[in-house]
C-alpha atoms as a PDB file:
ATOM      1  CA  MET A   1       5.096 -23.780 -18.666  1.00  0.00           C
ATOM      2  CA  ASN A   2       4.073 -21.735 -15.231  1.00  0.00           C
ATOM      3  CA  MET A   3       6.764 -19.028 -14.476  1.00  0.00           C
ATOM      4  CA  ARG A   4       5.289 -18.309 -11.506  1.00  0.00           C
ATOM      5  CA  PRO A   5       7.247 -18.329  -8.774  1.00  0.00           C
ATOM      6  CA  MET A   6       5.448 -18.803  -5.547  1.00  0.00           C
ATOM      7  CA  LYS A   7       1.770 -19.954  -4.625  1.00  0.00           C
ATOM      8  CA  TYR A   8       1.839 -17.243  -2.364  1.00  0.00           C
ATOM      9  CA  VAL A   9       2.736 -13.755  -2.546  1.00  0.00           C
ATOM     10  CA  THR A  10       3.093 -10.521  -0.429  1.00  0.00           C
ATOM     11  CA  LEU A  11       0.533  -7.750  -0.940  1.00  0.00           C
ATOM     12  CA  ARG A  12       3.110  -5.477  -2.591  1.00  0.00           C
ATOM     13  CA  LYS A  13       4.290  -8.330  -4.796  1.00  0.00           C
ATOM     14  CA  PHE A  14       0.221  -9.169  -5.810  1.00  0.00           C
ATOM     15  CA  SER A  15      -0.168  -5.751  -7.001  1.00  0.00           C
ATOM     16  CA  GLU A  16       2.465  -5.512  -9.193  1.00  0.00           C
ATOM     17  CA  LEU A  17       1.575  -8.781 -10.727  1.00  0.00           C
ATOM     18  CA  THR A  18      -1.943  -8.530 -10.920  1.00  0.00           C
ATOM     19  CA  GLY A  19      -2.377  -4.839 -10.989  1.00  0.00           C
ATOM     20  CA  TYR A  20      -4.837  -4.714  -7.941  1.00  0.00           C
ATOM     21  CA  SER A  21      -3.566  -1.973  -5.908  1.00  0.00           C
ATOM     22  CA  LYS A  22      -3.098  -2.722  -1.947  1.00  0.00           C
ATOM     23  CA  GLN A  23      -6.329  -0.641  -0.923  1.00  0.00           C
ATOM     24  CA  ALA A  24      -8.297  -2.836  -3.580  1.00  0.00           C
ATOM     25  CA  ALA A  25      -7.231  -6.158  -2.543  1.00  0.00           C
ATOM     26  CA  GLU A  26      -8.070  -4.892   1.261  1.00  0.00           C
ATOM     27  CA  SER A  27     -11.137  -4.013   0.255  1.00  0.00           C
ATOM     28  CA  LYS A  28     -12.021  -7.464  -1.419  1.00  0.00           C
ATOM     29  CA  MET A  29     -10.237  -9.138   1.754  1.00  0.00           C
ATOM     30  CA  LYS A  30     -13.092  -6.977   4.281  1.00  0.00           C
ATOM     31  CA  ARG A  31     -15.789  -7.491   1.839  1.00  0.00           C
ATOM     32  CA  GLY A  32     -15.934 -11.236   1.869  1.00  0.00           C
ATOM     33  CA  ASP A  33     -14.754 -11.390  -1.771  1.00  0.00           C
ATOM     34  CA  TRP A  34     -11.568 -12.918  -1.096  1.00  0.00           C
ATOM     35  CA  MET A  35     -11.444 -15.321   2.338  1.00  0.00           C
ATOM     36  CA  ARG A  36      -8.872 -15.888   4.637  1.00  0.00           C
ATOM     37  CA  ASP A  37      -7.383 -19.231   4.095  1.00  0.00           C
ATOM     38  CA  GLN A  38      -8.871 -19.589   0.971  1.00  0.00           C
ATOM     39  CA  HIS A  39      -7.814 -16.410  -1.099  1.00  0.00           C
ATOM     40  CA  TYR A  40      -5.085 -15.295   1.712  1.00  0.00           C
ATOM     41  CA  ARG A  41      -3.519 -16.528   4.731  1.00  0.00           C
ATOM     42  CA  LYS A  42      -1.863 -14.493   7.156  1.00  0.00           C
ATOM     43  CA  ALA A  43       2.024 -15.498   7.718  1.00  0.00           C
ATOM     44  CA  PRO A  44       3.449 -16.729  11.121  1.00  0.00           C
ATOM     45  CA  ASP A  45       5.067 -13.316  11.097  1.00  0.00           C
ATOM     46  CA  GLY A  46       1.839 -11.589  10.482  1.00  0.00           C
ATOM     47  CA  ARG A  47       1.882 -10.846   7.571  1.00  0.00           C
ATOM     48  CA  ILE A  48      -0.734 -11.374   4.539  1.00  0.00           C
ATOM     49  CA  LEU A  49       0.287 -13.350   1.801  1.00  0.00           C
ATOM     50  CA  MET A  50      -1.809 -13.616  -1.079  1.00  0.00           C
ATOM     51  CA  ASP A  51      -2.899 -16.903  -2.822  1.00  0.00           C
ATOM     52  CA  LEU A  52      -1.894 -16.378  -6.519  1.00  0.00           C
ATOM     53  CA  GLU A  53      -3.754 -19.423  -7.782  1.00  0.00           C
ATOM     54  CA  ALA A  54      -7.381 -19.316  -5.568  1.00  0.00           C
ATOM     55  CA  ILE A  55      -7.478 -15.424  -6.620  1.00  0.00           C
ATOM     56  CA  GLU A  56      -7.071 -16.848 -10.479  1.00  0.00           C
ATOM     57  CA  LYS A  57     -10.059 -19.370  -9.525  1.00  0.00           C
ATOM     58  CA  TRP A  58     -11.721 -16.584  -8.148  1.00  0.00           C
ATOM     59  CA  ILE A  59     -11.494 -15.127 -11.462  1.00  0.00           C
ATOM     60  CA  GLU A  60     -12.375 -17.733 -13.683  1.00  0.00           C
ATOM     61  CA  GLU A  61     -15.696 -18.941 -11.905  1.00  0.00           C
ATOM     62  CA  ASN A  62     -17.516 -15.394 -11.315  1.00  0.00           C
ATOM     63  CA  PRO A  63     -17.618 -13.951 -14.442  1.00  0.00           C
ATOM     64  CA  ALA A  64     -18.283  -9.783 -14.525  1.00  0.00           C
ATOM     65  CA  ALA A  65     -21.685  -8.821 -14.240  1.00  0.00           C
END
């Protein structure tokens, strides 16, 4: 059973759930590892929301070097 409350979460909640710091997530966005409208979205109020499903897929499809 999936206990995930939502598909999209704030950067703060994303950090709590995954252990990635806000700075680490922002770095991945800036480098292009995580793409806007694919791995995260900008909400109508301007906040960045992370797509948990897309990040999980990114982790599963990109094994560590």
